[in-house]
Protein backbone atom coordinates (compact mmCIF):
# COMPACT_ATOMS: atom_id res chain seq x y z
CA UNK A 1 -0.01 0.14 0.08
CA UNK A 2 2.80 2.49 1.01
CA UNK A 3 6.10 2.93 -0.81
CA UNK A 4 9.37 2.95 1.18
CA UNK A 5 9.49 6.62 0.67
CA UNK A 6 5.92 7.29 1.70
CA UNK A 7 6.81 5.18 4.79
CA UNK A 8 9.98 7.16 5.67
CA UNK A 9 8.26 10.27 5.16
CA UNK A 10 5.31 9.30 7.66
CA UNK A 11 7.86 7.76 10.16
CA UNK A 12 9.89 11.14 9.98
CA UNK A 13 6.48 13.15 10.75
CA UNK A 14 5.64 10.97 13.51
CA UNK A 15 8.89 11.46 15.08
CA UNK A 16 8.85 15.39 14.46
CA UNK A 17 5.19 15.54 15.98
CA UNK A 18 6.33 13.68 19.21
CA UNK A 19 9.48 15.97 19.53
CA UNK A 20 7.21 19.13 18.87
CA UNK A 21 4.58 17.85 21.40
CA UNK A 22 7.36 17.35 24.19
CA UNK A 23 8.97 20.70 23.44
CA UNK A 24 5.56 22.33 23.47
CA UNK A 25 5.63 23.33 20.01
CA UNK A 26 2.89 22.88 17.30
CA UNK A 27 3.16 19.38 15.80
CA UNK A 28 3.43 19.33 12.06
CA UNK A 29 0.45 18.18 9.91
CA UNK A 30 1.93 17.86 6.52
CA UNK A 31 4.59 15.94 5.10
CA UNK A 32 5.20 18.01 2.02
CA UNK A 33 4.67 14.99 -0.10
CA UNK A 34 1.90 15.59 -2.76
CA UNK A 35 -0.30 12.77 -2.02
CA UNK A 36 -0.58 9.93 0.32
CA UNK A 37 -3.19 6.74 -0.07
CA UNK A 38 -5.99 6.93 1.83
CA UNK A 39 -6.39 4.40 4.74
CA UNK A 40 -9.01 3.39 7.28
CA UNK A 41 -7.18 4.32 10.28
CA UNK A 42 -3.80 4.79 11.80
CA UNK A 43 -2.01 3.99 15.20
CA UNK A 44 1.55 5.21 16.42
CA UNK A 45 3.37 3.14 18.96
CA UNK A 46 6.16 4.39 21.27
CA UNK A 47 8.74 2.35 22.94
CA UNK A 48 11.61 2.98 25.11
CA UNK A 49 14.08 0.08 25.77
CA UNK A 50 11.75 -2.37 24.23
CA UNK A 51 8.88 -1.45 26.64
CA UNK A 52 5.62 0.25 25.42
CA UNK A 53 5.67 4.11 26.23
CA UNK A 54 2.52 5.23 24.38
CA UNK A 55 0.03 3.88 21.82
CA UNK A 56 -2.78 5.90 20.42
CA UNK A 57 -4.81 5.71 17.14
CA UNK A 58 -7.88 6.12 15.09
CA UNK A 59 -10.18 3.88 13.12
CA UNK A 60 -11.31 7.01 11.21
CA UNK A 61 -9.02 8.73 8.88
CA UNK A 62 -10.80 11.93 8.68
CA UNK A 63 -8.34 14.60 8.14
CA UNK A 64 -5.93 12.49 5.79
CA UNK A 65 -3.16 10.31 6.49
CA UNK A 66 -0.31 12.70 7.36
CA UNK A 67 -2.71 14.86 9.64
CA UNK A 68 -3.94 11.66 11.64
CA UNK A 69 -0.06 10.24 11.83
CA UNK A 70 0.87 13.52 13.41
CA UNK A 71 -2.17 13.80 15.85
CA UNK A 72 -1.87 10.45 17.01
CA UNK A 73 1.91 10.43 17.42
CA UNK A 74 1.43 13.74 19.59
CA UNK A 75 -1.50 11.98 21.55
CA UNK A 76 0.58 8.80 22.00
CA UNK A 77 3.54 11.01 23.73
CA UNK A 78 1.18 13.08 25.69
CA UNK A 79 -2.39 11.51 26.31
CA UNK A 80 -2.06 7.80 26.72
CA UNK A 81 -3.69 7.52 30.02
CA UNK A 82 -1.45 4.65 30.97
CA UNK A 83 1.49 6.42 30.96
CA UNK A 84 2.89 9.84 32.02
CA UNK A 85 3.78 12.17 29.17
CA UNK A 86 6.95 11.83 27.37
CA UNK A 87 9.81 14.12 28.41
CA UNK A 88 12.39 15.87 26.60
CA UNK A 89 15.13 13.49 28.20
CA UNK A 90 13.06 10.41 26.77
CA UNK A 91 13.44 11.60 23.20
CA UNK A 92 16.71 9.90 22.24
CA UNK A 93 15.93 6.67 23.22
CA UNK A 94 12.55 6.38 21.73
CA UNK A 95 11.46 3.98 19.04
CA UNK A 96 8.45 4.68 16.99
CA UNK A 97 6.19 2.51 15.13
CA UNK A 98 3.41 3.48 12.56
CA UNK A 99 0.46 1.16 11.81
CA UNK A 100 -1.54 2.07 8.72
CA UNK A 101 -5.01 0.18 9.06
CA UNK A 102 -7.04 -1.35 6.15
CA UNK A 103 -10.67 -1.27 6.43
CA UNK A 104 -12.59 -3.33 9.47
CA UNK A 105 -14.22 -6.59 8.17
CA UNK A 106 -16.73 -8.27 10.19
CA UNK A 107 -16.08 -11.74 11.03
CA UNK A 108 -17.63 -14.81 12.83
CA UNK A 109 -15.98 -14.71 16.26
CA UNK A 110 -13.88 -17.75 15.91
CA UNK A 111 -10.18 -18.30 16.10
CA UNK A 112 -10.15 -19.52 12.37
CA UNK A 113 -11.52 -16.33 10.90
CA UNK A 114 -8.17 -14.35 11.17
CA UNK A 115 -4.45 -15.00 10.76
CA UNK A 116 -2.20 -14.37 13.73
CA UNK A 117 0.56 -11.44 12.42
CA UNK A 118 -1.54 -10.54 9.66
CA UNK A 119 -4.84 -9.24 11.25
CA UNK A 120 -5.74 -6.95 14.15
CA UNK A 121 -9.06 -7.38 16.02
CA UNK A 122 -11.73 -5.33 17.33
CA UNK A 123 -14.09 -6.53 19.98
CA UNK A 124 -17.42 -4.48 20.11
CA UNK A 125 -20.46 -4.73 22.38
CA UNK A 126 -21.91 -1.37 21.52
CA UNK A 127 -20.92 0.27 24.64
CA UNK A 128 -17.31 -1.15 24.89
CA UNK A 129 -14.71 -1.39 22.00
CA UNK A 130 -11.27 -2.87 22.13
CA UNK A 131 -8.75 -2.85 19.47
CA UNK A 132 -5.23 -4.68 19.51
CA UNK A 133 -2.91 -4.44 16.58
CA UNK A 134 -1.74 -7.47 14.78
CA UNK A 135 1.72 -7.48 15.97
CA UNK A 136 0.51 -7.63 19.70
CA UNK A 137 -0.44 -11.21 19.45
CA UNK A 138 3.00 -11.87 17.74
CA UNK A 139 4.87 -10.01 20.53
CA UNK A 140 3.07 -11.77 23.32
CA UNK A 141 3.17 -15.30 21.77
CA UNK A 142 -0.82 -15.55 21.78
CA UNK A 143 -2.87 -18.34 20.27
CA UNK A 144 -5.95 -16.99 18.27
CA UNK A 145 -8.12 -17.69 21.18
CA UNK A 146 -6.14 -15.76 23.53
CA UNK A 147 -5.93 -12.66 21.04
CA UNK A 148 -9.55 -12.64 20.94
CA UNK A 149 -9.86 -12.75 24.79
CA UNK A 150 -7.02 -10.07 25.25
CA UNK A 151 -9.08 -7.88 22.66
CA UNK A 152 -12.14 -8.40 24.67
CA UNK A 153 -10.30 -7.42 28.24
CA UNK A 154 -9.00 -4.52 26.37
CA UNK A 155 -12.66 -3.40 25.59
CA UNK A 156 -13.18 -3.69 29.35
CA UNK A 157 -15.40 -6.94 28.99
CA UNK A 158 -14.91 -10.56 30.15
CA UNK A 159 -12.22 -12.51 28.18
CA UNK A 160 -15.11 -14.62 26.73
CA UNK A 161 -17.12 -12.02 25.49
CA UNK A 162 -16.40 -12.44 22.02
CA UNK A 163 -18.36 -15.75 22.10
CA UNK A 164 -21.53 -13.61 22.83
CA UNK A 165 -23.93 -13.14 20.26
CA UNK A 166 -24.47 -9.52 20.88
CA UNK A 167 -20.74 -8.90 20.53
CA UNK A 168 -19.24 -7.99 16.91
CA UNK A 169 -15.73 -8.96 16.06
CA UNK A 170 -13.96 -7.28 13.34
CA UNK A 171 -10.53 -7.94 11.73
CA UNK A 172 -8.15 -5.70 9.77
CA UNK A 173 -4.87 -5.87 8.10
CA UNK A 174 -2.11 -3.33 8.89
CA UNK A 175 0.99 -2.10 7.30
CA UNK A 176 3.50 -1.57 10.37
CA UNK A 177 6.80 -0.03 9.86
CA UNK A 178 8.87 1.80 12.36
CA UNK A 179 12.65 2.16 13.46
């Protein structure tokens, strides 16, 4: 979906947005690149010493890919409720990953309906929604059933909520790149 140049440009934009947020400047919203392809959504993940430091994103690409990457990078650095904001001294040790999401596809909630490492999942019961990116199951060594259960937990639901008839499960592919 993205060329290597587009990946590099988006990754540089994410890094610049994080740095701008940390130094209290206005994050950039454009790459200077003429056009970028559409995407369903985007997530930006920040790690330090291999440990998650922030990850936020959107399932709606309303402003264009560059603007959403910038916004999500800024918010991952400053607004992820699981972590304190990134500080200036953290910047040199950060690793940034961008996940550009394809469309959500409704699936029958079963472990056979998706592929670990290829698909991310969304579990939604109307009032609760949880999303896990494709790389999470690989990083943790989860089986397909464990991935479904952890996505339900991320939604604030019981681990077996994906089995309920009223719960909707979606899969999505993502193009994941970083440094």
